[in-house]
Structure formats: C-alpha cells, structure tokens
Amino acid sequence: MARWTYKTTYHDLKTLRETHRIISCDEHGSCMVHDLGAEGRELLEAVLKEQGEEGWELVQCSYHQGELLCIWKRREGEA
C-alpha cells in the first residue's frame, strides 16, 4: 500500500494579479485565470512546475486570504 507525504505552499495572488493580471478572485474565493498571454502562461507554469520537478503532485489549489493555497503529495521515499 502506498504511503504519501503531503505539504502546502502559498503563492501571493496580489503580486501575480498586479504584475501579470492573470488571476482574479471574488469575495467568495472563486478564482479565474485569464489574459494569460505567453508571459502569464510561463508564470503560471512556473508555479506548478517548481514543485512538480521535485516529485510533488498537485492535489488541490484554493484561494485563502489573498493567497493561493496549494496542497501537494508524493510517495514516501521519492525525492
């Protein structure tokens, strides 16, 4: 049976929104990715690839107090 290690990361949406205008969220926490263009797409991919390159699989991302909270998992013993 597989054993999993979990971790969370936070990404400041204010910085992403002001600099690149690719993520916007409403007061209920629903977020949309828009107006990516080449630069924005690269930025969003960097947020996901940073952990993926270390073997982490994205479980979920959600909005939390101005930040994007991401939950990651990987099999124990993989690094």
PDB file of N, CA and C in Angstrom:
ATOM      1  N   MET A   1       0.840  -1.173   0.000  1.00  0.00           N
ATOM      2  CA  MET A   1       0.000   0.000   0.000  1.00  0.00           C
ATOM      3  C   MET A   1       0.890   1.243   0.000  1.00  0.00           C
ATOM      4  N   ALA A   2       0.582   2.194  -0.871  1.00  0.00           N
ATOM      5  CA  ALA A   2       1.392   3.405  -0.988  1.00  0.00           C
ATOM      6  C   ALA A   2       1.218   4.302   0.235  1.00  0.00           C
ATOM      7  N   ARG A   3       2.316   4.899   0.635  1.00  0.00           N
ATOM      8  CA  ARG A   3       2.291   5.900   1.705  1.00  0.00           C
ATOM      9  C   ARG A   3       2.624   7.237   1.076  1.00  0.00           C
ATOM     10  N   TRP A   4       1.958   8.286   1.525  1.00  0.00           N
ATOM     11  CA  TRP A   4       2.100   9.603   0.923  1.00  0.00           C
ATOM     12  C   TRP A   4       2.627  10.615   1.922  1.00  0.00           C
ATOM     13  N   THR A   5       3.405  11.542   1.429  1.00  0.00           N
ATOM     14  CA  THR A   5       3.845  12.713   2.172  1.00  0.00           C
ATOM     15  C   THR A   5       3.104  13.902   1.571  1.00  0.00           C
ATOM     16  N   TYR A   6       2.623  14.805   2.418  1.00  0.00           N
ATOM     17  CA  TYR A   6       1.875  15.968   1.951  1.00  0.00           C
ATOM     18  C   TYR A   6       2.547  17.254   2.398  1.00  0.00           C
ATOM     19  N   LYS A   7       2.350  18.305   1.641  1.00  0.00           N
ATOM     20  CA  LYS A   7       2.800  19.628   2.058  1.00  0.00           C
ATOM     21  C   LYS A   7       1.908  20.675   1.415  1.00  0.00           C
ATOM     22  N   THR A   8       1.976  21.887   1.945  1.00  0.00           N
ATOM     23  CA  THR A   8       1.218  23.006   1.386  1.00  0.00           C
ATOM     24  C   THR A   8       2.190  24.118   1.005  1.00  0.00           C
ATOM     25  N   THR A   9       1.814  24.886  -0.011  1.00  0.00           N
ATOM     26  CA  THR A   9       2.572  26.069  -0.395  1.00  0.00           C
ATOM     27  C   THR A   9       1.586  27.221  -0.579  1.00  0.00           C
ATOM     28  N   TYR A  10       2.074  28.430  -0.376  1.00  0.00           N
ATOM     29  CA  TYR A  10       1.271  29.638  -0.563  1.00  0.00           C
ATOM     30  C   TYR A  10       1.905  30.482  -1.658  1.00  0.00           C
ATOM     31  N   HIS A  11       1.063  31.080  -2.493  1.00  0.00           N
ATOM     32  CA  HIS A  11       1.525  31.946  -3.574  1.00  0.00           C
ATOM     33  C   HIS A  11       0.724  33.235  -3.502  1.00  0.00           C
ATOM     34  N   ASP A  12       1.402  34.358  -3.374  1.00  0.00           N
ATOM     35  CA  ASP A  12       0.773  35.662  -3.186  1.00  0.00           C
ATOM     36  C   ASP A  12       0.034  36.095  -4.448  1.00  0.00           C
ATOM     37  N   LEU A  13      -1.292  36.073  -4.411  1.00  0.00           N
ATOM     38  CA  LEU A  13      -2.090  36.438  -5.579  1.00  0.00           C
ATOM     39  C   LEU A  13      -2.010  37.929  -5.882  1.00  0.00           C
ATOM     40  N   LYS A  14      -1.808  38.742  -4.860  1.00  0.00           N
ATOM     41  CA  LYS A  14      -1.706  40.179  -5.105  1.00  0.00           C
ATOM     42  C   LYS A  14      -0.537  40.464  -6.047  1.00  0.00           C
ATOM     43  N   THR A  15       0.584  39.833  -5.808  1.00  0.00           N
ATOM     44  CA  THR A  15       1.743  40.013  -6.677  1.00  0.00           C
ATOM     45  C   THR A  15       1.451  39.525  -8.088  1.00  0.00           C
ATOM     46  N   LEU A  16       0.842  38.351  -8.205  1.00  0.00           N
ATOM     47  CA  LEU A  16       0.523  37.817  -9.528  1.00  0.00           C
ATOM     48  C   LEU A  16      -0.492  38.700 -10.253  1.00  0.00           C
ATOM     49  N   ARG A  17      -1.505  39.169  -9.548  1.00  0.00           N
ATOM     50  CA  ARG A  17      -2.538  39.995 -10.175  1.00  0.00           C
ATOM     51  C   ARG A  17      -1.986  41.335 -10.613  1.00  0.00           C
ATOM     52  N   GLU A  18      -1.229  42.014  -9.750  1.00  0.00           N
ATOM     53  CA  GLU A  18      -0.754  43.346 -10.075  1.00  0.00           C
ATOM     54  C   GLU A  18       0.306  43.325 -11.158  1.00  0.00           C
ATOM     55  N   THR A  19       1.161  42.339 -11.119  1.00  0.00           N
ATOM     56  CA  THR A  19       2.260  42.292 -12.071  1.00  0.00           C
ATOM     57  C   THR A  19       1.819  41.740 -13.415  1.00  0.00           C
ATOM     58  N   HIS A  20       1.012  40.687 -13.407  1.00  0.00           N
ATOM     59  CA  HIS A  20       0.709  39.991 -14.647  1.00  0.00           C
ATOM     60  C   HIS A  20      -0.782  39.920 -14.979  1.00  0.00           C
ATOM     61  N   ARG A  21      -1.641  40.274 -14.039  1.00  0.00           N
ATOM     62  CA  ARG A  21      -3.091  40.260 -14.270  1.00  0.00           C
ATOM     63  C   ARG A  21      -3.585  38.935 -14.838  1.00  0.00           C
ATOM     64  N   ILE A  22      -3.167  37.833 -14.236  1.00  0.00           N
ATOM     65  CA  ILE A  22      -3.613  36.547 -14.761  1.00  0.00           C
ATOM     66  C   ILE A  22      -4.579  35.829 -13.840  1.00  0.00           C
ATOM     67  N   ILE A  23      -4.624  36.188 -12.558  1.00  0.00           N
ATOM     68  CA  ILE A  23      -5.529  35.533 -11.622  1.00  0.00           C
ATOM     69  C   ILE A  23      -6.357  36.602 -10.928  1.00  0.00           C
ATOM     70  N   SER A  24      -7.666  36.425 -10.929  1.00  0.00           N
ATOM     71  CA  SER A  24      -8.526  37.329 -10.168  1.00  0.00           C
ATOM     72  C   SER A  24      -9.490  36.487  -9.352  1.00  0.00           C
ATOM     73  N   CYS A  25      -9.791  36.967  -8.153  1.00  0.00           N
ATOM     74  CA  CYS A  25     -10.665  36.231  -7.243  1.00  0.00           C
ATOM     75  C   CYS A  25     -11.773  37.139  -6.741  1.00  0.00           C
ATOM     76  N   ASP A  26     -12.956  36.570  -6.520  1.00  0.00           N
ATOM     77  CA  ASP A  26     -14.047  37.350  -5.958  1.00  0.00           C
ATOM     78  C   ASP A  26     -14.075  37.194  -4.440  1.00  0.00           C
ATOM     79  N   GLU A  27     -15.021  37.857  -3.792  1.00  0.00           N
ATOM     80  CA  GLU A  27     -15.070  37.853  -2.331  1.00  0.00           C
ATOM     81  C   GLU A  27     -15.434  36.487  -1.744  1.00  0.00           C
ATOM     82  N   HIS A  28     -15.913  35.569  -2.582  1.00  0.00           N
ATOM     83  CA  HIS A  28     -16.267  34.228  -2.121  1.00  0.00           C
ATOM     84  C   HIS A  28     -15.117  33.240  -2.288  1.00  0.00           C
ATOM     85  N   GLY A  29     -14.012  33.702  -2.871  1.00  0.00           N
ATOM     86  CA  GLY A  29     -12.862  32.835  -3.044  1.00  0.00           C
ATOM     87  C   GLY A  29     -12.798  32.110  -4.374  1.00  0.00           C
ATOM     88  N   SER A  30     -13.750  32.400  -5.280  1.00  0.00           N
ATOM     89  CA  SER A  30     -13.688  31.794  -6.609  1.00  0.00           C
ATOM     90  C   SER A  30     -12.655  32.540  -7.442  1.00  0.00           C
ATOM     91  N   CYS A  31     -11.722  31.799  -8.025  1.00  0.00           N
ATOM     92  CA  CYS A  31     -10.641  32.421  -8.797  1.00  0.00           C
ATOM     93  C   CYS A  31     -10.727  32.008 -10.251  1.00  0.00           C
ATOM     94  N   MET A  32     -10.305  32.928 -11.122  1.00  0.00           N
ATOM     95  CA  MET A  32     -10.284  32.688 -12.559  1.00  0.00           C
ATOM     96  C   MET A  32      -8.905  33.041 -13.088  1.00  0.00           C
ATOM     97  N   VAL A  33      -8.425  32.264 -14.018  1.00  0.00           N
ATOM     98  CA  VAL A  33      -7.193  32.577 -14.721  1.00  0.00           C
ATOM     99  C   VAL A  33      -7.605  33.171 -16.062  1.00  0.00           C
ATOM    100  N   HIS A  34      -7.043  34.337 -16.407  1.00  0.00           N
ATOM    101  CA  HIS A  34      -7.423  34.997 -17.643  1.00  0.00           C
ATOM    102  C   HIS A  34      -6.263  35.805 -18.208  1.00  0.00           C
ATOM    103  N   ASP A  35      -6.420  36.229 -19.457  1.00  0.00           N
ATOM    104  CA  ASP A  35      -5.428  37.077 -20.125  1.00  0.00           C
ATOM    105  C   ASP A  35      -4.014  36.564 -19.931  1.00  0.00           C
ATOM    106  N   LEU A  36      -3.826  35.279 -20.123  1.00  0.00           N
ATOM    107  CA  LEU A  36      -2.515  34.695 -19.871  1.00  0.00           C
ATOM    108  C   LEU A  36      -1.427  35.245 -20.771  1.00  0.00           C
ATOM    109  N   GLY A  37      -1.602  35.137 -22.062  1.00  0.00           N
ATOM    110  CA  GLY A  37      -0.524  35.507 -22.957  1.00  0.00           C
ATOM    111  C   GLY A  37       0.678  34.622 -22.686  1.00  0.00           C
ATOM    112  N   ALA A  38       1.740  34.823 -23.404  1.00  0.00           N
ATOM    113  CA  ALA A  38       2.930  33.983 -23.248  1.00  0.00           C
ATOM    114  C   ALA A  38       3.584  34.170 -21.887  1.00  0.00           C
ATOM    115  N   GLU A  39       3.739  35.411 -21.450  1.00  0.00           N
ATOM    116  CA  GLU A  39       4.405  35.678 -20.170  1.00  0.00           C
ATOM    117  C   GLU A  39       3.613  35.108 -19.002  1.00  0.00           C
ATOM    118  N   GLY A  40       2.298  35.320 -18.993  1.00  0.00           N
ATOM    119  CA  GLY A  40       1.461  34.820 -17.914  1.00  0.00           C
ATOM    120  C   GLY A  40       1.412  33.308 -17.863  1.00  0.00           C
ATOM    121  N   ARG A  41       1.371  32.691 -19.030  1.00  0.00           N
ATOM    122  CA  ARG A  41       1.352  31.230 -19.085  1.00  0.00           C
ATOM    123  C   ARG A  41       2.646  30.672 -18.497  1.00  0.00           C
ATOM    124  N   GLU A  42       3.769  31.304 -18.818  1.00  0.00           N
ATOM    125  CA  GLU A  42       5.049  30.867 -18.268  1.00  0.00           C
ATOM    126  C   GLU A  42       5.075  31.026 -16.751  1.00  0.00           C
ATOM    127  N   LEU A  43       4.512  32.121 -16.239  1.00  0.00           N
ATOM    128  CA  LEU A  43       4.488  32.350 -14.799  1.00  0.00           C
ATOM    129  C   LEU A  43       3.645  31.291 -14.097  1.00  0.00           C
ATOM    130  N   LEU A  44       2.463  31.011 -14.623  1.00  0.00           N
ATOM    131  CA  LEU A  44       1.597  30.010 -14.019  1.00  0.00           C
ATOM    132  C   LEU A  44       2.238  28.623 -14.085  1.00  0.00           C
ATOM    133  N   GLU A  45       2.855  28.302 -15.196  1.00  0.00           N
ATOM    134  CA  GLU A  45       3.549  27.020 -15.314  1.00  0.00           C
ATOM    135  C   GLU A  45       4.691  26.924 -14.318  1.00  0.00           C
ATOM    136  N   ALA A  46       5.388  28.023 -14.084  1.00  0.00           N
ATOM    137  CA  ALA A  46       6.497  28.021 -13.130  1.00  0.00           C
ATOM    138  C   ALA A  46       6.010  27.697 -11.724  1.00  0.00           C
ATOM    139  N   VAL A  47       4.845  28.242 -11.349  1.00  0.00           N
ATOM    140  CA  VAL A  47       4.275  27.963 -10.029  1.00  0.00           C
ATOM    141  C   VAL A  47       4.010  26.467  -9.889  1.00  0.00           C
ATOM    142  N   LEU A  48       3.496  25.837 -10.932  1.00  0.00           N
ATOM    143  CA  LEU A  48       3.182  24.405 -10.877  1.00  0.00           C
ATOM    144  C   LEU A  48       4.420  23.526 -11.045  1.00  0.00           C
ATOM    145  N   LYS A  49       5.312  23.892 -11.956  1.00  0.00           N
ATOM    146  CA  LYS A  49       6.494  23.070 -12.232  1.00  0.00           C
ATOM    147  C   LYS A  49       7.500  23.073 -11.090  1.00  0.00           C
ATOM    148  N   GLU A  50       7.567  24.171 -10.354  1.00  0.00           N
ATOM    149  CA  GLU A  50       8.537  24.270  -9.266  1.00  0.00           C
ATOM    150  C   GLU A  50       8.450  23.073  -8.337  1.00  0.00           C
ATOM    151  N   GLN A  51       7.249  22.711  -7.955  1.00  0.00           N
ATOM    152  CA  GLN A  51       7.060  21.569  -7.064  1.00  0.00           C
ATOM    153  C   GLN A  51       7.061  20.252  -7.834  1.00  0.00           C
ATOM    154  N   GLY A  52       6.505  20.262  -9.031  1.00  0.00           N
ATOM    155  CA  GLY A  52       6.449  19.049  -9.839  1.00  0.00           C
ATOM    156  C   GLY A  52       7.830  18.492 -10.142  1.00  0.00           C
ATOM    157  N   GLU A  53       8.793  19.369 -10.342  1.00  0.00           N
ATOM    158  CA  GLU A  53      10.153  18.925 -10.616  1.00  0.00           C
ATOM    159  C   GLU A  53      10.776  18.220  -9.416  1.00  0.00           C
ATOM    160  N   GLU A  54      10.241  18.474  -8.237  1.00  0.00           N
ATOM    161  CA  GLU A  54      10.731  17.806  -7.032  1.00  0.00           C
ATOM    162  C   GLU A  54       9.910  16.557  -6.704  1.00  0.00           C
ATOM    163  N   GLY A  55       9.037  16.157  -7.629  1.00  0.00           N
ATOM    164  CA  GLY A  55       8.258  14.938  -7.449  1.00  0.00           C
ATOM    165  C   GLY A  55       6.904  15.142  -6.796  1.00  0.00           C
ATOM    166  N   TRP A  56       6.509  16.398  -6.543  1.00  0.00           N
ATOM    167  CA  TRP A  56       5.225  16.671  -5.901  1.00  0.00           C
ATOM    168  C   TRP A  56       4.118  16.699  -6.938  1.00  0.00           C
ATOM    169  N   GLU A  57       2.994  16.078  -6.609  1.00  0.00           N
ATOM    170  CA  GLU A  57       1.799  16.080  -7.449  1.00  0.00           C
ATOM    171  C   GLU A  57       0.781  17.020  -6.822  1.00  0.00           C
ATOM    172  N   LEU A  58       0.203  17.898  -7.646  1.00  0.00           N
ATOM    173  CA  LEU A  58      -0.799  18.844  -7.159  1.00  0.00           C
ATOM    174  C   LEU A  58      -2.087  18.103  -6.816  1.00  0.00           C
ATOM    175  N   VAL A  59      -2.561  18.289  -5.592  1.00  0.00           N
ATOM    176  CA  VAL A  59      -3.817  17.692  -5.157  1.00  0.00           C
ATOM    177  C   VAL A  59      -4.938  18.710  -5.332  1.00  0.00           C
ATOM    178  N   GLN A  60      -4.685  19.946  -4.865  1.00  0.00           N
ATOM    179  CA  GLN A  60      -5.724  20.980  -4.918  1.00  0.00           C
ATOM    180  C   GLN A  60      -5.100  22.343  -4.692  1.00  0.00           C
ATOM    181  N   CYS A  61      -5.680  23.357  -5.332  1.00  0.00           N
ATOM    182  CA  CYS A  61      -5.332  24.751  -5.058  1.00  0.00           C
ATOM    183  C   CYS A  61      -6.625  25.488  -4.733  1.00  0.00           C
ATOM    184  N   SER A  62      -6.567  26.362  -3.747  1.00  0.00           N
ATOM    185  CA  SER A  62      -7.737  27.159  -3.410  1.00  0.00           C
ATOM    186  C   SER A  62      -7.304  28.518  -2.887  1.00  0.00           C
ATOM    187  N   TYR A  63      -8.215  29.452  -2.977  1.00  0.00           N
ATOM    188  CA  TYR A  63      -7.977  30.809  -2.534  1.00  0.00           C
ATOM    189  C   TYR A  63      -8.120  30.876  -1.016  1.00  0.00           C
ATOM    190  N   HIS A  64      -7.179  31.570  -0.357  1.00  0.00           N
ATOM    191  CA  HIS A  64      -7.237  31.712   1.092  1.00  0.00           C
ATOM    192  C   HIS A  64      -6.572  33.026   1.483  1.00  0.00           C
ATOM    193  N   GLN A  65      -7.344  33.990   1.914  1.00  0.00           N
ATOM    194  CA  GLN A  65      -6.854  35.260   2.427  1.00  0.00           C
ATOM    195  C   GLN A  65      -5.806  35.913   1.529  1.00  0.00           C
ATOM    196  N   GLY A  66      -6.142  36.066   0.263  1.00  0.00           N
ATOM    197  CA  GLY A  66      -5.247  36.754  -0.664  1.00  0.00           C
ATOM    198  C   GLY A  66      -4.119  35.917  -1.217  1.00  0.00           C
ATOM    199  N   GLU A  67      -4.108  34.641  -0.893  1.00  0.00           N
ATOM    200  CA  GLU A  67      -3.064  33.749  -1.388  1.00  0.00           C
ATOM    201  C   GLU A  67      -3.692  32.523  -2.024  1.00  0.00           C
ATOM    202  N   LEU A  68      -2.933  31.925  -2.917  1.00  0.00           N
ATOM    203  CA  LEU A  68      -3.330  30.656  -3.495  1.00  0.00           C
ATOM    204  C   LEU A  68      -2.688  29.570  -2.645  1.00  0.00           C
ATOM    205  N   LEU A  69      -3.501  28.780  -1.967  1.00  0.00           N
ATOM    206  CA  LEU A  69      -3.036  27.684  -1.119  1.00  0.00           C
ATOM    207  C   LEU A  69      -3.048  26.410  -1.960  1.00  0.00           C
ATOM    208  N   CYS A  70      -1.888  25.796  -2.126  1.00  0.00           N
ATOM    209  CA  CYS A  70      -1.790  24.566  -2.911  1.00  0.00           C
ATOM    210  C   CYS A  70      -1.405  23.410  -1.994  1.00  0.00           C
ATOM    211  N   ILE A  71      -2.057  22.285  -2.205  1.00  0.00           N
ATOM    212  CA  ILE A  71      -1.765  21.067  -1.446  1.00  0.00           C
ATOM    213  C   ILE A  71      -1.128  20.077  -2.417  1.00  0.00           C
ATOM    214  N   TRP A  72       0.013  19.546  -2.015  1.00  0.00           N
ATOM    215  CA  TRP A  72       0.801  18.647  -2.849  1.00  0.00           C
ATOM    216  C   TRP A  72       0.990  17.302  -2.143  1.00  0.00           C
ATOM    217  N   LYS A  73       1.225  16.249  -2.927  1.00  0.00           N
ATOM    218  CA  LYS A  73       1.555  14.954  -2.341  1.00  0.00           C
ATOM    219  C   LYS A  73       2.606  14.268  -3.202  1.00  0.00           C
ATOM    220  N   ARG A  74       3.347  13.364  -2.581  1.00  0.00           N
ATOM    221  CA  ARG A  74       4.253  12.469  -3.298  1.00  0.00           C
ATOM    222  C   ARG A  74       4.439  11.215  -2.450  1.00  0.00           C
ATOM    223  N   ARG A  75       4.795  10.151  -3.107  1.00  0.00           N
ATOM    224  CA  ARG A  75       5.023   8.889  -2.399  1.00  0.00           C
ATOM    225  C   ARG A  75       6.203   9.034  -1.460  1.00  0.00           C
ATOM    226  N   GLU A  76       6.081   8.456  -0.292  1.00  0.00           N
ATOM    227  CA  GLU A  76       7.196   8.470   0.640  1.00  0.00           C
ATOM    228  C   GLU A  76       8.382   7.774   0.001  1.00  0.00           C
ATOM    229  N   GLY A  77       9.563   8.322   0.238  1.00  0.00           N
ATOM    230  CA  GLY A  77      10.779   7.744  -0.304  1.00  0.00           C
ATOM    231  C   GLY A  77      11.163   8.315  -1.658  1.00  0.00           C
ATOM    232  N   GLU A  78      10.270   9.085  -2.316  1.00  0.00           N
ATOM    233  CA  GLU A  78      10.603   9.723  -3.592  1.00  0.00           C
ATOM    234  C   GLU A  78      11.089  11.129  -3.284  1.00  0.00           C
ATOM    235  N   ALA A  79      12.144  11.536  -3.918  1.00  0.00           N
ATOM    236  CA  ALA A  79      12.659  12.895  -3.702  1.00  0.00           C
ATOM    237  C   ALA A  79      13.166  13.470  -4.989  1.00  0.00           C
TER     238      ALA A  79
END
